[in-house]
Amino acid sequence: MAAMKMLTLLIAIVILSCTSVLAEDSCVYTVFVKTGSPLGAGTDAKIGATFYTAEGSSIHINDFTGWGNLLEPNKDYFERYNLDTFGGFGDCLEGPICKMNLSSDGAGNHDSWFCDSVEITTAKFGHECSSH
């Protein structure tokens, strides 16, 4: 877990150092997706999510690999036992994330998928990091 938090911090620092021209309401989102261990848990489908706040604002990511595969662009994501990390920009949400809807396009080989966990971290320049 400490390595994951260090990776989150590293990604946020790299992205924030490259984004001095971003609007003040832009945030850096880092998403950790862990695929489960059952046989056949992995998928080649496009996986995305919508994250919601209690205030009603949301951020939609249609395809994690197209949105934020910062570290390993040619990696085979969402495979059995994998912990995949994605990072990208979006409008800042008006409060903490309290709900999530995961989605799959059901395409490709192994269209079923067993998700073990999802964690999202939000960072805004000049503010504390928030993890959900």
N, C-alpha and C. Protein backbone atom coordinates (compact mmCIF):
# COMPACT_ATOMS: atom_id res chain seq x y z
N MET A 1 0.82 -1.18 0.00
CA MET A 1 0.00 0.00 0.00
C MET A 1 0.87 1.25 0.00
N ALA A 2 2.01 1.21 0.71
CA ALA A 2 2.90 2.36 0.74
C ALA A 2 3.47 2.63 -0.65
N ALA A 3 3.79 1.57 -1.39
CA ALA A 3 4.31 1.74 -2.74
C ALA A 3 3.26 2.37 -3.64
N MET A 4 1.99 2.00 -3.45
CA MET A 4 0.91 2.56 -4.26
C MET A 4 0.74 4.05 -3.95
N LYS A 5 0.83 4.43 -2.69
CA LYS A 5 0.71 5.84 -2.33
C LYS A 5 1.89 6.64 -2.87
N MET A 6 3.08 6.04 -2.87
CA MET A 6 4.26 6.71 -3.42
C MET A 6 4.09 6.89 -4.92
N LEU A 7 3.58 5.87 -5.61
CA LEU A 7 3.33 5.96 -7.04
C LEU A 7 2.30 7.04 -7.33
N THR A 8 1.26 7.13 -6.51
CA THR A 8 0.24 8.17 -6.66
C THR A 8 0.88 9.55 -6.56
N LEU A 9 1.69 9.73 -5.54
CA LEU A 9 2.36 11.01 -5.34
C LEU A 9 3.26 11.34 -6.52
N LEU A 10 4.02 10.37 -6.99
CA LEU A 10 4.92 10.57 -8.13
C LEU A 10 4.14 10.98 -9.37
N ILE A 11 3.05 10.27 -9.66
CA ILE A 11 2.23 10.61 -10.83
C ILE A 11 1.67 12.01 -10.69
N ALA A 12 1.14 12.34 -9.52
CA ALA A 12 0.57 13.67 -9.31
C ALA A 12 1.61 14.76 -9.47
N ILE A 13 2.81 14.55 -8.94
CA ILE A 13 3.88 15.55 -9.06
C ILE A 13 4.28 15.74 -10.51
N VAL A 14 4.46 14.65 -11.23
CA VAL A 14 4.84 14.74 -12.65
C VAL A 14 3.77 15.48 -13.44
N ILE A 15 2.53 15.10 -13.24
CA ILE A 15 1.45 15.74 -13.99
C ILE A 15 1.31 17.20 -13.61
N LEU A 16 1.32 17.50 -12.31
CA LEU A 16 1.15 18.88 -11.88
C LEU A 16 2.31 19.76 -12.33
N SER A 17 3.52 19.21 -12.40
CA SER A 17 4.65 20.00 -12.84
C SER A 17 4.57 20.34 -14.32
N CYS A 18 3.78 19.58 -15.07
CA CYS A 18 3.62 19.81 -16.50
C CYS A 18 2.36 20.60 -16.83
N THR A 19 1.62 21.05 -15.82
CA THR A 19 0.30 21.61 -16.09
C THR A 19 0.12 23.02 -15.57
N SER A 20 1.13 23.81 -15.59
CA SER A 20 0.98 25.16 -15.07
C SER A 20 0.01 26.00 -15.89
N VAL A 21 -0.32 25.56 -17.11
CA VAL A 21 -1.25 26.31 -17.95
C VAL A 21 -2.69 25.82 -17.81
N LEU A 22 -2.93 24.81 -16.99
CA LEU A 22 -4.29 24.30 -16.80
C LEU A 22 -5.16 25.32 -16.08
N ALA A 23 -6.44 25.24 -16.33
CA ALA A 23 -7.39 26.09 -15.62
C ALA A 23 -7.35 25.75 -14.13
N GLU A 24 -7.71 26.72 -13.30
CA GLU A 24 -7.66 26.51 -11.86
C GLU A 24 -8.61 25.43 -11.38
N ASP A 25 -9.64 25.12 -12.15
CA ASP A 25 -10.61 24.11 -11.72
C ASP A 25 -10.27 22.72 -12.23
N SER A 26 -9.07 22.52 -12.78
CA SER A 26 -8.66 21.20 -13.25
C SER A 26 -7.99 20.42 -12.13
N CYS A 27 -8.29 19.13 -12.08
CA CYS A 27 -7.70 18.24 -11.09
C CYS A 27 -7.01 17.08 -11.78
N VAL A 28 -6.09 16.47 -11.07
CA VAL A 28 -5.42 15.26 -11.53
C VAL A 28 -6.08 14.09 -10.81
N TYR A 29 -6.53 13.11 -11.58
CA TYR A 29 -7.15 11.91 -11.01
C TYR A 29 -6.23 10.73 -11.28
N THR A 30 -5.97 9.95 -10.23
CA THR A 30 -5.22 8.71 -10.36
C THR A 30 -6.16 7.59 -9.93
N VAL A 31 -6.34 6.60 -10.80
CA VAL A 31 -7.27 5.51 -10.54
C VAL A 31 -6.49 4.20 -10.50
N PHE A 32 -6.68 3.43 -9.43
CA PHE A 32 -6.07 2.12 -9.27
C PHE A 32 -7.17 1.08 -9.42
N VAL A 33 -7.00 0.17 -10.36
CA VAL A 33 -8.00 -0.87 -10.62
C VAL A 33 -7.33 -2.23 -10.43
N LYS A 34 -7.86 -3.02 -9.51
CA LYS A 34 -7.30 -4.35 -9.24
C LYS A 34 -8.26 -5.41 -9.78
N THR A 35 -7.74 -6.25 -10.68
CA THR A 35 -8.51 -7.37 -11.21
C THR A 35 -8.36 -8.55 -10.26
N GLY A 36 -9.43 -9.29 -10.07
CA GLY A 36 -9.46 -10.39 -9.11
C GLY A 36 -8.66 -11.60 -9.53
N SER A 37 -8.73 -12.63 -8.69
CA SER A 37 -7.91 -13.83 -8.87
C SER A 37 -8.61 -15.03 -9.49
N PRO A 38 -9.95 -15.09 -9.59
CA PRO A 38 -10.56 -16.29 -10.17
C PRO A 38 -10.09 -16.55 -11.60
N LEU A 39 -10.07 -17.80 -11.99
CA LEU A 39 -9.75 -18.17 -13.36
C LEU A 39 -10.69 -17.43 -14.30
N GLY A 40 -10.16 -16.80 -15.33
CA GLY A 40 -10.97 -16.05 -16.28
C GLY A 40 -11.35 -14.67 -15.81
N ALA A 41 -10.69 -14.15 -14.77
CA ALA A 41 -11.04 -12.84 -14.21
C ALA A 41 -10.70 -11.69 -15.14
N GLY A 42 -9.70 -11.84 -16.00
CA GLY A 42 -9.26 -10.76 -16.88
C GLY A 42 -10.18 -10.53 -18.05
N THR A 43 -9.97 -9.40 -18.73
CA THR A 43 -10.77 -9.05 -19.90
C THR A 43 -9.97 -8.22 -20.88
N ASP A 44 -10.40 -8.24 -22.13
CA ASP A 44 -9.84 -7.36 -23.16
C ASP A 44 -10.84 -6.26 -23.51
N ALA A 45 -11.97 -6.21 -22.81
CA ALA A 45 -12.99 -5.18 -23.05
C ALA A 45 -12.49 -3.82 -22.58
N LYS A 46 -13.13 -2.76 -23.07
CA LYS A 46 -12.85 -1.41 -22.59
C LYS A 46 -13.59 -1.22 -21.28
N ILE A 47 -12.85 -0.80 -20.25
CA ILE A 47 -13.42 -0.59 -18.92
C ILE A 47 -13.39 0.90 -18.62
N GLY A 48 -14.47 1.41 -18.10
CA GLY A 48 -14.56 2.82 -17.72
C GLY A 48 -15.35 2.96 -16.43
N ALA A 49 -15.57 4.21 -16.02
CA ALA A 49 -16.32 4.45 -14.79
C ALA A 49 -16.85 5.87 -14.77
N THR A 50 -17.88 6.06 -13.99
CA THR A 50 -18.35 7.39 -13.65
C THR A 50 -18.29 7.49 -12.13
N PHE A 51 -17.67 8.56 -11.64
CA PHE A 51 -17.53 8.81 -10.21
C PHE A 51 -18.44 9.98 -9.85
N TYR A 52 -19.20 9.84 -8.77
CA TYR A 52 -20.20 10.83 -8.37
C TYR A 52 -19.93 11.38 -6.97
N THR A 53 -20.35 12.62 -6.75
CA THR A 53 -20.34 13.21 -5.41
C THR A 53 -21.77 13.28 -4.89
N ALA A 54 -21.92 13.52 -3.59
CA ALA A 54 -23.25 13.67 -3.00
C ALA A 54 -23.95 14.92 -3.53
N GLU A 55 -23.17 15.90 -3.98
CA GLU A 55 -23.73 17.14 -4.51
C GLU A 55 -24.27 16.99 -5.93
N GLY A 56 -23.99 15.86 -6.56
CA GLY A 56 -24.51 15.61 -7.90
C GLY A 56 -23.53 15.81 -9.04
N SER A 57 -22.32 16.27 -8.75
CA SER A 57 -21.34 16.41 -9.83
C SER A 57 -20.70 15.05 -10.10
N SER A 58 -20.14 14.90 -11.29
CA SER A 58 -19.54 13.61 -11.65
C SER A 58 -18.43 13.81 -12.67
N ILE A 59 -17.60 12.80 -12.78
CA ILE A 59 -16.59 12.74 -13.83
C ILE A 59 -16.74 11.37 -14.49
N HIS A 60 -16.81 11.39 -15.82
CA HIS A 60 -17.00 10.15 -16.58
C HIS A 60 -15.72 9.83 -17.35
N ILE A 61 -15.26 8.61 -17.21
CA ILE A 61 -14.10 8.11 -17.95
C ILE A 61 -14.60 6.94 -18.78
N ASN A 62 -14.70 7.13 -20.08
CA ASN A 62 -15.27 6.13 -20.97
C ASN A 62 -14.39 4.89 -21.09
N ASP A 63 -13.07 5.10 -21.12
CA ASP A 63 -12.12 4.00 -21.33
C ASP A 63 -10.83 4.34 -20.58
N PHE A 64 -10.56 3.65 -19.48
CA PHE A 64 -9.37 3.95 -18.68
C PHE A 64 -8.09 3.93 -19.51
N THR A 65 -7.92 2.96 -20.39
CA THR A 65 -6.66 2.85 -21.14
C THR A 65 -6.51 3.98 -22.14
N GLY A 66 -7.57 4.47 -22.71
CA GLY A 66 -7.49 5.60 -23.63
C GLY A 66 -7.35 6.93 -22.91
N TRP A 67 -7.78 6.98 -21.67
CA TRP A 67 -7.78 8.22 -20.88
C TRP A 67 -6.47 8.45 -20.14
N GLY A 68 -5.92 7.41 -19.54
CA GLY A 68 -4.80 7.69 -18.65
C GLY A 68 -3.80 6.59 -18.45
N ASN A 69 -3.31 5.98 -19.53
CA ASN A 69 -2.27 4.96 -19.37
C ASN A 69 -0.91 5.62 -19.43
N LEU A 70 -0.59 6.40 -18.41
CA LEU A 70 0.61 7.23 -18.38
C LEU A 70 1.91 6.45 -18.37
N LEU A 71 1.96 5.36 -17.64
CA LEU A 71 3.23 4.70 -17.41
C LEU A 71 3.54 3.57 -18.37
N GLU A 72 2.52 2.86 -18.84
CA GLU A 72 2.74 1.69 -19.67
C GLU A 72 1.74 1.65 -20.82
N PRO A 73 1.96 2.44 -21.88
CA PRO A 73 0.97 2.53 -22.95
C PRO A 73 0.73 1.24 -23.72
N ASN A 74 1.64 0.30 -23.72
CA ASN A 74 1.46 -0.95 -24.47
C ASN A 74 1.16 -2.15 -23.57
N LYS A 75 0.82 -1.89 -22.33
CA LYS A 75 0.54 -2.96 -21.37
C LYS A 75 -0.81 -3.62 -21.66
N ASP A 76 -0.91 -4.90 -21.32
CA ASP A 76 -2.17 -5.64 -21.42
C ASP A 76 -2.91 -5.45 -20.09
N TYR A 77 -3.84 -4.51 -20.05
CA TYR A 77 -4.53 -4.14 -18.82
C TYR A 77 -5.65 -5.12 -18.46
N PHE A 78 -6.10 -5.04 -17.22
CA PHE A 78 -7.24 -5.79 -16.69
C PHE A 78 -7.06 -7.31 -16.78
N GLU A 79 -5.84 -7.75 -16.50
CA GLU A 79 -5.55 -9.18 -16.48
C GLU A 79 -5.61 -9.69 -15.05
N ARG A 80 -5.82 -10.97 -14.91
CA ARG A 80 -5.92 -11.63 -13.62
C ARG A 80 -4.78 -11.22 -12.69
N TYR A 81 -5.09 -10.87 -11.46
CA TYR A 81 -4.17 -10.44 -10.40
C TYR A 81 -3.57 -9.05 -10.60
N ASN A 82 -3.79 -8.39 -11.73
CA ASN A 82 -3.13 -7.11 -12.00
C ASN A 82 -3.69 -5.97 -11.16
N LEU A 83 -2.79 -5.05 -10.79
CA LEU A 83 -3.17 -3.76 -10.25
C LEU A 83 -2.75 -2.74 -11.30
N ASP A 84 -3.71 -2.14 -11.97
CA ASP A 84 -3.44 -1.20 -13.06
C ASP A 84 -3.64 0.22 -12.56
N THR A 85 -2.75 1.13 -13.00
CA THR A 85 -2.79 2.52 -12.58
C THR A 85 -3.02 3.41 -13.79
N PHE A 86 -3.97 4.33 -13.64
CA PHE A 86 -4.30 5.27 -14.71
C PHE A 86 -4.32 6.67 -14.11
N GLY A 87 -3.91 7.66 -14.88
CA GLY A 87 -3.94 9.03 -14.39
C GLY A 87 -4.31 9.98 -15.50
N GLY A 88 -5.12 10.97 -15.19
CA GLY A 88 -5.52 11.94 -16.19
C GLY A 88 -6.13 13.17 -15.54
N PHE A 89 -6.55 14.10 -16.39
CA PHE A 89 -7.09 15.37 -15.94
C PHE A 89 -8.59 15.41 -16.09
N GLY A 90 -9.22 16.25 -15.31
CA GLY A 90 -10.65 16.48 -15.42
C GLY A 90 -11.05 17.65 -14.57
N ASP A 91 -12.28 18.10 -14.75
CA ASP A 91 -12.79 19.16 -13.90
C ASP A 91 -12.82 18.67 -12.46
N CYS A 92 -12.53 19.57 -11.53
CA CYS A 92 -12.58 19.20 -10.11
C CYS A 92 -14.04 19.01 -9.70
N LEU A 93 -14.26 18.02 -8.87
CA LEU A 93 -15.60 17.74 -8.37
C LEU A 93 -15.90 18.59 -7.14
N GLU A 94 -17.18 18.83 -6.90
CA GLU A 94 -17.62 19.68 -5.79
C GLU A 94 -17.83 18.87 -4.52
N GLY A 95 -16.86 18.16 -4.08
CA GLY A 95 -16.99 17.37 -2.87
C GLY A 95 -16.37 16.00 -3.06
N PRO A 96 -16.36 15.21 -2.00
CA PRO A 96 -15.76 13.88 -2.08
C PRO A 96 -16.60 12.92 -2.91
N ILE A 97 -15.93 11.98 -3.53
CA ILE A 97 -16.61 10.95 -4.32
C ILE A 97 -17.28 9.97 -3.35
N CYS A 98 -18.56 9.69 -3.61
CA CYS A 98 -19.28 8.78 -2.72
C CYS A 98 -19.94 7.63 -3.47
N LYS A 99 -19.88 7.66 -4.80
CA LYS A 99 -20.52 6.60 -5.58
C LYS A 99 -19.76 6.40 -6.88
N MET A 100 -19.80 5.16 -7.41
CA MET A 100 -19.10 4.85 -8.64
C MET A 100 -19.94 3.86 -9.44
N ASN A 101 -19.90 4.00 -10.76
CA ASN A 101 -20.54 3.05 -11.66
C ASN A 101 -19.48 2.57 -12.65
N LEU A 102 -19.04 1.31 -12.52
CA LEU A 102 -18.07 0.73 -13.46
C LEU A 102 -18.80 0.27 -14.71
N SER A 103 -18.13 0.37 -15.85
CA SER A 103 -18.76 -0.06 -17.10
C SER A 103 -17.76 -0.84 -17.96
N SER A 104 -18.32 -1.70 -18.81
CA SER A 104 -17.54 -2.49 -19.76
C SER A 104 -18.27 -2.46 -21.08
N ASP A 105 -17.51 -2.39 -22.19
CA ASP A 105 -18.18 -2.43 -23.49
C ASP A 105 -18.46 -3.87 -23.92
N GLY A 106 -17.96 -4.85 -23.15
CA GLY A 106 -18.24 -6.25 -23.44
C GLY A 106 -17.58 -6.78 -24.70
N ALA A 107 -16.65 -6.04 -25.25
CA ALA A 107 -16.01 -6.43 -26.52
C ALA A 107 -14.74 -7.24 -26.26
N GLY A 108 -14.22 -7.81 -27.32
CA GLY A 108 -12.94 -8.51 -27.26
C GLY A 108 -13.05 -9.89 -26.63
N ASN A 109 -11.90 -10.54 -26.56
CA ASN A 109 -11.83 -11.85 -25.91
C ASN A 109 -12.05 -11.69 -24.41
N HIS A 110 -12.64 -12.67 -23.80
CA HIS A 110 -12.85 -12.67 -22.35
C HIS A 110 -13.63 -11.43 -21.93
N ASP A 111 -14.85 -11.30 -22.44
CA ASP A 111 -15.61 -10.09 -22.18
C ASP A 111 -16.14 -9.97 -20.75
N SER A 112 -16.11 -11.06 -19.99
CA SER A 112 -16.47 -10.94 -18.58
C SER A 112 -15.23 -10.43 -17.83
N TRP A 113 -15.43 -9.89 -16.65
CA TRP A 113 -14.32 -9.32 -15.89
C TRP A 113 -14.65 -9.38 -14.42
N PHE A 114 -13.67 -9.73 -13.59
CA PHE A 114 -13.86 -9.77 -12.16
C PHE A 114 -13.02 -8.67 -11.53
N CYS A 115 -13.67 -7.59 -11.13
CA CYS A 115 -12.98 -6.46 -10.49
C CYS A 115 -12.90 -6.72 -8.99
N ASP A 116 -11.71 -6.62 -8.45
CA ASP A 116 -11.51 -6.80 -7.02
C ASP A 116 -11.68 -5.49 -6.27
N SER A 117 -11.10 -4.40 -6.80
CA SER A 117 -11.22 -3.10 -6.12
C SER A 117 -10.87 -1.96 -7.07
N VAL A 118 -11.37 -0.77 -6.71
CA VAL A 118 -11.06 0.46 -7.43
C VAL A 118 -10.79 1.53 -6.38
N GLU A 119 -9.71 2.28 -6.56
CA GLU A 119 -9.42 3.42 -5.69
C GLU A 119 -9.11 4.61 -6.58
N ILE A 120 -9.65 5.76 -6.22
CA ILE A 120 -9.38 6.98 -6.99
C ILE A 120 -8.80 8.03 -6.05
N THR A 121 -7.78 8.73 -6.53
CA THR A 121 -7.13 9.80 -5.79
C THR A 121 -7.26 11.07 -6.60
N THR A 122 -7.58 12.16 -5.92
CA THR A 122 -7.75 13.46 -6.57
C THR A 122 -6.70 14.42 -6.04
N ALA A 123 -6.08 15.16 -6.94
CA ALA A 123 -5.09 16.16 -6.54
C ALA A 123 -5.34 17.45 -7.31
N LYS A 124 -5.24 18.56 -6.59
CA LYS A 124 -5.34 19.88 -7.21
C LYS A 124 -4.18 20.71 -6.69
N PHE A 125 -3.52 21.43 -7.58
CA PHE A 125 -2.36 22.22 -7.19
C PHE A 125 -2.73 23.15 -6.04
N GLY A 126 -1.95 23.09 -4.98
CA GLY A 126 -2.18 23.95 -3.83
C GLY A 126 -3.16 23.39 -2.81
N HIS A 127 -3.66 22.16 -3.02
CA HIS A 127 -4.61 21.55 -2.11
C HIS A 127 -4.11 20.16 -1.69
N GLU A 128 -4.66 19.66 -0.58
CA GLU A 128 -4.30 18.32 -0.14
C GLU A 128 -4.89 17.27 -1.06
N CYS A 129 -4.21 16.14 -1.15
CA CYS A 129 -4.67 15.01 -1.96
C CYS A 129 -5.84 14.33 -1.26
N SER A 130 -6.79 13.83 -2.04
CA SER A 130 -7.97 13.16 -1.50
C SER A 130 -8.08 11.77 -2.10
N SER A 131 -8.29 10.76 -1.27
CA SER A 131 -8.37 9.38 -1.74
C SER A 131 -9.73 8.79 -1.39
N HIS A 132 -10.31 8.02 -2.35
CA HIS A 132 -11.64 7.43 -2.15
C HIS A 132 -11.61 5.98 -2.57
